Amino acid sequence: MESAGDSFRSRLQARWPLLLARLETLHARYSRVFWTLHSIWALLTGVAVLVLAHNRYGYLPWVIAFLALTWASTLFFSRLTTALSSRAWRLAQGFVSYITRIMYQETLFFLIPFYSYSTTFPSWNSCYVVVLASLAALSCYDLVFDRLLRKSRVFAMSFFSVVSFSALQYFFPLLFDIKVHLGAYLAAALAVLAAVPLAYPWREIREPRRLAVIALAVAAAVGLVRLARPAIPPVPLRLLKVRFTAAFDLHTHTPSEDFEDRVPASVLTTGRLFAVATIFAPNDLRTSVSIRFFADGKAVHTSRTVDVVAHPRGFRVYDALPLREGQPLPHSVVAEVWTAEGQLIGRAKATIVAGSHGH
């Protein structure tokens, strides 16, 4: 005599192929619409993450942890289960692929505001933020992005390397108390090393020729970071403000009177125009900086490099532009704050106007 449970299983087994066929028909008919709507939703959630990430530095370790989890799960399902072809494993791989795309999206949207804080617009390092924003937007188009990840090994490696490099170069200076450029070199090397197992099986990686290629790729990545350093924002450093003053007490580090963007010519009687820059970092971070002055578009003075410790309260650095007696005053002065390794932290412009107190 057949029990109720046996009867239910028999009906389920009989109807299962019909159900699967129905689901496949619906998928073929509506998958493009679904993924289009999902892409719009992903873009909206990405914008929400971008807004919520404002000044929330404490979330960065979680981003690194999720990125590591994404790497491990992708490696497991893409490399260790290639011999398995059951429907369950294919569904698992599809699910992991979906989670991977989500993690890429949220990581990129999380990083964009922090890179924007450290970017000077316009400058070469603003290109990096444009690239991150473009990749974040691309990751929201599921149909295109998933196809590229699945079919292009070069794209998959490059995309993961850029995302992981962007997160790690921001994280390493804060974690290891090292200078920004050293964190960038370490992040570049680790990003390439982490991307290799996602593209090649272990048996190929162990080949001597492949190991040599990997070593060259790591060296090339570090060299590229070195050459492109002016185009990389100096995260997590941020220029909070630059004030201009004609008189500055070198002992108390206080100006007699400071100005933001309009300096009256009447106060420039000391023969010098000081620029006082305030630099921020989420925690104590050692760095070396200098100030470059431009008068009416021409480079006229560069300060000596000083070692400072940026911190959340902001650390001030200063230098003075000499004004030659008998020479006409420049119409505009630009002060740029650079790291000793060639990364632009920020700039400010002051216009010298006739009259007093900027009027």
Protein backbone atom coordinates (compact mmCIF):
# COMPACT_ATOMS: atom_id res chain seq x y z
CA MET A 1 0.00 0.00 0.00
CA GLU A 2 1.42 3.38 -1.05
CA SER A 3 1.78 5.93 1.75
CA ALA A 4 0.92 9.62 1.42
CA GLY A 5 4.62 10.51 1.36
CA ASP A 6 5.35 8.03 -1.41
CA SER A 7 2.41 9.33 -3.40
CA PHE A 8 3.65 12.92 -3.07
CA ARG A 9 7.15 11.96 -4.21
CA SER A 10 5.75 10.08 -7.20
CA ARG A 11 3.67 13.08 -8.30
CA LEU A 12 6.66 15.38 -7.77
CA GLN A 13 8.95 13.15 -9.84
CA ALA A 14 6.35 13.03 -12.61
CA ARG A 15 5.84 16.79 -12.69
CA TRP A 16 9.47 17.85 -12.10
CA PRO A 17 10.50 17.69 -15.81
CA LEU A 18 7.41 19.72 -16.75
CA LEU A 19 8.24 22.31 -14.09
CA LEU A 20 11.83 22.60 -15.26
CA ALA A 21 10.70 22.96 -18.86
CA ARG A 22 8.28 25.70 -17.81
CA LEU A 23 11.01 27.55 -15.89
CA GLU A 24 13.37 27.33 -18.86
CA THR A 25 10.65 28.76 -21.12
CA LEU A 26 10.04 31.65 -18.74
CA HIS A 27 13.79 32.24 -18.44
CA ALA A 28 14.22 32.35 -22.21
CA ARG A 29 11.28 34.75 -22.57
CA TYR A 30 11.82 37.13 -19.68
CA SER A 31 15.48 36.83 -18.63
CA ARG A 32 16.54 39.96 -20.50
CA VAL A 33 13.76 41.99 -18.89
CA PHE A 34 14.60 40.60 -15.46
CA TRP A 35 18.31 41.34 -15.75
CA THR A 36 17.59 44.82 -17.13
CA LEU A 37 15.42 45.58 -14.10
CA HIS A 38 18.03 44.03 -11.86
CA SER A 39 20.73 46.24 -13.42
CA ILE A 40 18.64 49.32 -12.61
CA TRP A 41 18.19 48.04 -9.07
CA ALA A 42 21.95 47.37 -8.76
CA LEU A 43 22.70 50.91 -9.89
CA LEU A 44 20.27 52.34 -7.32
CA THR A 45 21.71 50.23 -4.49
CA GLY A 46 25.21 51.25 -5.60
CA VAL A 47 24.26 54.91 -5.34
CA ALA A 48 22.83 54.19 -1.87
CA VAL A 49 26.12 52.59 -0.82
CA LEU A 50 27.98 55.60 -2.22
CA VAL A 51 25.88 57.94 -0.06
CA LEU A 52 26.08 55.77 3.06
CA ALA A 53 29.86 55.38 2.75
CA HIS A 54 30.36 59.10 3.43
CA ASN A 55 33.15 59.36 6.01
CA ARG A 56 32.50 55.86 7.36
CA TYR A 57 36.08 54.64 7.49
CA GLY A 58 35.26 51.89 9.99
CA TYR A 59 33.55 49.84 7.28
CA LEU A 60 36.75 49.41 5.25
CA PRO A 61 37.94 46.20 7.04
CA TRP A 62 34.57 44.62 6.26
CA VAL A 63 34.99 45.49 2.60
CA ILE A 64 38.38 43.76 2.58
CA ALA A 65 36.89 40.73 4.35
CA PHE A 66 34.03 40.45 1.85
CA LEU A 67 36.47 40.84 -1.04
CA ALA A 68 38.59 38.00 0.37
CA LEU A 69 35.47 35.85 0.81
CA THR A 70 34.44 36.56 -2.77
CA TRP A 71 37.90 35.58 -3.99
CA ALA A 72 37.84 32.31 -2.01
CA SER A 73 34.35 31.31 -3.12
CA THR A 74 35.05 32.18 -6.75
CA LEU A 75 38.27 30.18 -6.65
CA PHE A 76 36.50 27.18 -5.12
CA PHE A 77 33.58 27.02 -7.52
CA SER A 78 35.50 27.96 -10.66
CA ARG A 79 38.55 25.74 -10.13
CA LEU A 80 37.86 22.97 -7.66
CA THR A 81 34.47 21.97 -9.02
CA THR A 82 35.15 22.04 -12.76
CA ALA A 83 34.86 18.26 -12.92
CA LEU A 84 31.34 18.35 -11.50
CA SER A 85 28.55 18.93 -14.01
CA SER A 86 25.39 18.22 -12.05
CA ARG A 87 22.54 20.72 -12.11
CA ALA A 88 23.10 21.52 -8.43
CA TRP A 89 26.73 22.45 -9.00
CA ARG A 90 25.82 24.58 -12.02
CA LEU A 91 23.25 26.39 -9.91
CA ALA A 92 25.87 26.87 -7.19
CA GLN A 93 28.33 28.30 -9.71
CA GLY A 94 25.66 30.63 -11.07
CA PHE A 95 24.83 31.79 -7.56
CA VAL A 96 28.50 32.45 -6.77
CA SER A 97 28.85 34.35 -10.04
CA TYR A 98 25.88 36.49 -9.02
CA ILE A 99 27.32 37.15 -5.54
CA THR A 100 30.68 38.01 -7.12
CA ARG A 101 29.07 40.68 -9.29
CA ILE A 102 27.23 42.10 -6.29
CA MET A 103 30.46 42.30 -4.28
CA TYR A 104 32.27 44.03 -7.13
CA GLN A 105 29.45 46.57 -7.40
CA GLU A 106 29.24 47.37 -3.71
CA THR A 107 33.02 47.48 -3.24
CA LEU A 108 33.49 49.92 -6.11
CA PHE A 109 30.62 52.16 -5.03
CA PHE A 110 31.97 52.10 -1.47
CA LEU A 111 35.45 53.17 -2.58
CA ILE A 112 34.40 55.98 -4.93
CA PRO A 113 33.68 58.65 -2.26
CA PHE A 114 36.94 57.96 -0.39
CA TYR A 115 38.95 58.26 -3.58
CA SER A 116 37.02 61.41 -4.43
CA TYR A 117 38.03 62.95 -1.08
CA SER A 118 41.70 62.46 -2.00
CA THR A 119 41.31 63.57 -5.62
CA THR A 120 42.04 67.01 -6.99
CA PHE A 121 39.65 68.11 -9.75
CA PRO A 122 40.87 68.73 -12.37
CA SER A 123 44.17 66.85 -12.31
CA TRP A 124 45.68 63.62 -13.55
CA ASN A 125 44.53 61.75 -10.45
CA SER A 126 40.90 62.57 -11.23
CA CYS A 127 41.20 60.04 -14.08
CA TYR A 128 41.41 57.25 -11.50
CA VAL A 129 38.06 58.19 -9.98
CA VAL A 130 36.54 58.30 -13.47
CA VAL A 131 37.84 54.77 -14.09
CA LEU A 132 36.41 53.50 -10.79
CA ALA A 133 33.04 55.11 -11.54
CA SER A 134 33.02 53.60 -15.05
CA LEU A 135 33.80 50.13 -13.70
CA ALA A 136 31.10 50.52 -11.05
CA ALA A 137 28.56 51.45 -13.72
CA LEU A 138 29.68 48.54 -15.93
CA SER A 139 29.27 46.09 -13.06
CA CYS A 140 25.59 47.05 -12.83
CA TYR A 141 24.86 45.85 -16.39
CA ASP A 142 24.47 42.19 -15.52
CA LEU A 143 24.13 40.72 -19.01
CA VAL A 144 27.26 42.41 -20.37
CA PHE A 145 29.32 42.18 -17.20
CA ASP A 146 28.56 38.50 -16.53
CA ARG A 147 29.43 37.61 -20.13
CA LEU A 148 32.77 39.41 -19.88
CA LEU A 149 33.62 37.72 -16.57
CA ARG A 150 32.78 34.27 -17.90
CA LYS A 151 34.30 34.47 -21.38
CA SER A 152 37.34 36.74 -21.02
CA ARG A 153 40.09 35.55 -18.73
CA VAL A 154 42.03 38.77 -19.27
CA PHE A 155 39.02 40.91 -18.34
CA ALA A 156 38.27 38.85 -15.24
CA MET A 157 41.87 39.10 -14.03
CA SER A 158 42.14 42.80 -14.83
CA PHE A 159 38.83 43.69 -13.20
CA PHE A 160 39.60 41.80 -10.02
CA SER A 161 43.11 43.29 -9.91
CA VAL A 162 41.81 46.87 -10.20
CA VAL A 163 39.13 46.36 -7.54
CA SER A 164 41.43 44.59 -5.09
CA PHE A 165 44.27 47.06 -5.70
CA SER A 166 41.94 50.00 -5.05
CA ALA A 167 40.73 48.51 -1.79
CA LEU A 168 44.12 47.27 -0.56
CA GLN A 169 46.14 50.40 -1.32
CA TYR A 170 43.64 52.31 0.78
CA PHE A 171 43.72 49.72 3.56
CA PHE A 172 47.45 48.93 3.90
CA PRO A 173 48.69 52.37 5.08
CA LEU A 174 46.03 52.38 7.79
CA LEU A 175 46.71 48.79 8.86
CA PHE A 176 50.52 48.67 8.75
CA ASP A 177 51.35 52.33 9.45
CA ILE A 178 53.35 52.66 6.24
CA LYS A 179 53.54 55.52 3.77
CA VAL A 180 50.95 55.72 1.03
CA HIS A 181 53.27 54.83 -1.87
CA LEU A 182 54.57 51.72 -0.07
CA GLY A 183 50.98 50.60 0.49
CA ALA A 184 50.33 51.06 -3.23
CA TYR A 185 53.30 48.86 -4.20
CA LEU A 186 52.22 46.14 -1.76
CA ALA A 187 48.63 46.33 -2.99
CA ALA A 188 49.69 46.03 -6.64
CA ALA A 189 51.77 42.91 -5.98
CA LEU A 190 49.08 41.22 -3.90
CA ALA A 191 46.31 42.11 -6.37
CA VAL A 192 48.15 40.39 -9.23
CA LEU A 193 49.05 37.35 -7.12
CA ALA A 194 45.44 36.98 -5.99
CA ALA A 195 44.09 37.29 -9.54
CA VAL A 196 46.30 34.56 -11.02
CA PRO A 197 44.55 31.55 -9.35
CA LEU A 198 41.20 32.85 -10.63
CA ALA A 199 42.39 32.51 -14.22
CA TYR A 200 44.74 29.51 -14.19
CA PRO A 201 44.51 26.08 -12.54
CA TRP A 202 47.15 25.13 -9.99
CA ARG A 203 48.85 22.65 -12.31
CA GLU A 204 49.58 25.46 -14.79
CA ILE A 205 50.67 27.91 -12.11
CA ARG A 206 53.30 25.47 -10.86
CA GLU A 207 55.02 25.31 -14.26
CA PRO A 208 58.42 27.11 -14.21
CA ARG A 209 57.59 29.14 -17.29
CA ARG A 210 54.26 30.21 -15.82
CA LEU A 211 55.94 31.17 -12.53
CA ALA A 212 58.38 33.35 -14.46
CA VAL A 213 55.49 35.05 -16.25
CA ILE A 214 53.74 35.67 -12.92
CA ALA A 215 56.90 37.17 -11.45
CA LEU A 216 57.19 39.48 -14.46
CA ALA A 217 53.51 40.43 -14.11
CA VAL A 218 54.02 41.37 -10.45
CA ALA A 219 57.10 43.42 -11.33
CA ALA A 220 55.20 45.10 -14.18
CA ALA A 221 52.30 45.96 -11.88
CA VAL A 222 54.62 47.54 -9.31
CA GLY A 223 56.45 49.40 -12.08
CA LEU A 224 53.17 50.64 -13.53
CA VAL A 225 52.11 51.97 -10.14
CA ARG A 226 55.46 53.75 -9.90
CA LEU A 227 55.07 55.37 -13.32
CA ALA A 228 51.39 56.20 -12.88
CA ARG A 229 51.69 57.49 -9.32
CA PRO A 230 50.71 61.09 -10.26
CA ALA A 231 47.46 59.64 -11.63
CA ILE A 232 46.62 57.74 -8.42
CA PRO A 233 44.90 59.66 -5.59
CA PRO A 234 46.94 59.55 -2.33
CA VAL A 235 44.25 57.73 -0.31
CA PRO A 236 43.60 58.02 2.57
CA LEU A 237 45.22 61.47 2.76
CA ARG A 238 42.89 64.39 2.21
CA LEU A 239 43.49 68.13 1.96
CA LEU A 240 40.91 69.81 4.19
CA LYS A 241 41.72 73.43 3.41
CA VAL A 242 44.40 75.93 2.44
CA ARG A 243 44.48 79.41 3.94
CA PHE A 244 46.64 82.30 2.72
CA THR A 245 48.17 84.91 5.01
CA ALA A 246 50.80 87.63 4.85
CA ALA A 247 52.06 87.14 8.42
CA PHE A 248 52.54 83.82 10.17
CA ASP A 249 54.00 83.20 13.63
CA LEU A 250 56.48 80.36 13.17
CA HIS A 251 56.51 79.55 16.89
CA THR A 252 52.78 79.35 17.57
CA HIS A 253 51.82 78.42 13.99
CA THR A 254 49.05 81.02 13.98
CA PRO A 255 48.42 83.60 11.24
CA SER A 256 47.74 87.21 12.05
CA GLU A 257 44.90 87.20 9.52
CA ASP A 258 44.14 84.60 6.89
CA PHE A 259 42.19 84.53 3.64
CA GLU A 260 40.66 81.73 1.62
CA ASP A 261 40.60 82.77 -2.03
CA ARG A 262 40.94 86.58 -2.16
CA VAL A 263 43.98 88.28 -0.66
CA PRO A 264 44.03 92.09 -0.50
CA ALA A 265 47.20 93.57 -1.90
CA SER A 266 47.33 96.06 0.98
CA VAL A 267 48.30 93.34 3.50
CA LEU A 268 51.25 92.06 1.46
CA THR A 269 53.80 94.32 3.08
CA THR A 270 56.07 91.62 4.52
CA GLY A 271 57.36 90.44 1.14
CA ARG A 272 55.90 86.97 1.63
CA LEU A 273 52.60 85.18 1.06
CA PHE A 274 52.13 82.15 3.28
CA ALA A 275 50.04 79.11 2.38
CA VAL A 276 48.89 77.03 5.37
CA ALA A 277 47.50 73.61 4.39
CA THR A 278 45.58 71.26 6.70
CA ILE A 279 45.92 67.54 5.87
CA PHE A 280 43.57 64.85 7.20
CA ALA A 281 43.95 61.09 7.64
CA PRO A 282 41.55 58.64 9.40
CA ASN A 283 44.26 57.76 11.91
CA ASP A 284 47.88 58.72 12.52
CA LEU A 285 49.70 58.28 9.22
CA ARG A 286 53.27 59.22 8.44
CA THR A 287 53.87 61.07 5.21
CA SER A 288 56.27 63.54 3.57
CA VAL A 289 54.88 66.62 1.84
CA SER A 290 55.93 69.80 0.10
CA ILE A 291 54.12 72.86 -1.24
CA ARG A 292 54.55 74.11 -4.80
CA PHE A 293 53.66 77.69 -5.71
CA PHE A 294 52.51 78.93 -9.10
CA ALA A 295 52.19 82.63 -9.88
CA ASP A 296 49.99 83.48 -12.85
CA GLY A 297 50.36 79.91 -14.10
CA LYS A 298 54.17 79.68 -13.78
CA ALA A 299 55.99 77.51 -11.25
CA VAL A 300 57.97 79.90 -9.04
CA HIS A 301 58.76 78.15 -5.75
CA THR A 302 58.81 74.72 -4.11
CA SER A 303 59.16 74.26 -0.37
CA ARG A 304 61.45 71.76 1.25
CA THR A 305 59.99 68.34 1.97
CA VAL A 306 58.84 67.86 5.55
CA ASP A 307 57.90 64.68 7.39
CA VAL A 308 54.54 64.95 9.12
CA VAL A 309 51.98 62.74 10.82
CA ALA A 310 48.52 63.34 9.41
CA HIS A 311 45.66 62.54 11.77
CA PRO A 312 41.88 62.99 12.13
CA ARG A 313 42.23 66.45 13.68
CA GLY A 314 44.28 67.58 10.69
CA PHE A 315 47.96 68.47 10.53
CA ARG A 316 49.06 71.84 9.19
CA VAL A 317 52.01 72.40 6.87
CA TYR A 318 53.05 75.78 5.58
CA ASP A 319 55.48 77.63 3.38
CA ALA A 320 55.86 81.14 1.99
CA LEU A 321 56.05 82.48 -1.54
CA PRO A 322 58.68 85.24 -1.70
CA LEU A 323 57.41 88.45 -3.29
CA ARG A 324 60.23 90.45 -4.84
CA GLU A 325 60.36 94.09 -3.88
CA GLY A 326 59.78 96.37 -6.84
CA GLN A 327 58.16 93.60 -8.89
CA PRO A 328 54.43 93.77 -9.64
CA LEU A 329 52.31 91.42 -7.56
CA PRO A 330 50.95 88.36 -9.37
CA HIS A 331 47.28 88.37 -10.15
CA SER A 332 46.75 84.79 -8.97
CA VAL A 333 48.69 82.36 -6.79
CA VAL A 334 48.13 78.59 -6.71
CA ALA A 335 49.47 76.45 -3.88
CA GLU A 336 49.67 72.69 -4.53
CA VAL A 337 50.38 70.17 -1.77
CA TRP A 338 52.32 67.09 -2.95
CA THR A 339 53.70 64.01 -1.29
CA ALA A 340 57.43 63.54 -1.58
CA GLU A 341 56.73 60.56 -3.85
CA GLY A 342 54.86 62.67 -6.42
CA GLN A 343 51.17 62.38 -5.56
CA LEU A 344 49.03 65.50 -5.57
CA ILE A 345 47.06 65.85 -2.31
CA GLY A 346 45.27 69.04 -3.29
CA ARG A 347 45.49 72.62 -4.45
CA ALA A 348 44.05 76.02 -3.69
CA LYS A 349 43.99 79.27 -5.62
CA ALA A 350 44.06 82.80 -4.30
CA THR A 351 43.44 85.98 -6.27
CA ILE A 352 45.31 89.10 -5.18
CA VAL A 353 42.90 92.01 -5.32
CA ALA A 354 43.26 95.73 -4.83
CA GLY A 355 41.89 97.34 -1.67
CA SER A 356 41.74 95.99 1.86
CA HIS A 357 40.25 92.76 3.25
CA GLY A 358 39.31 91.53 -0.17
CA HIS A 359 36.90 94.35 -1.00
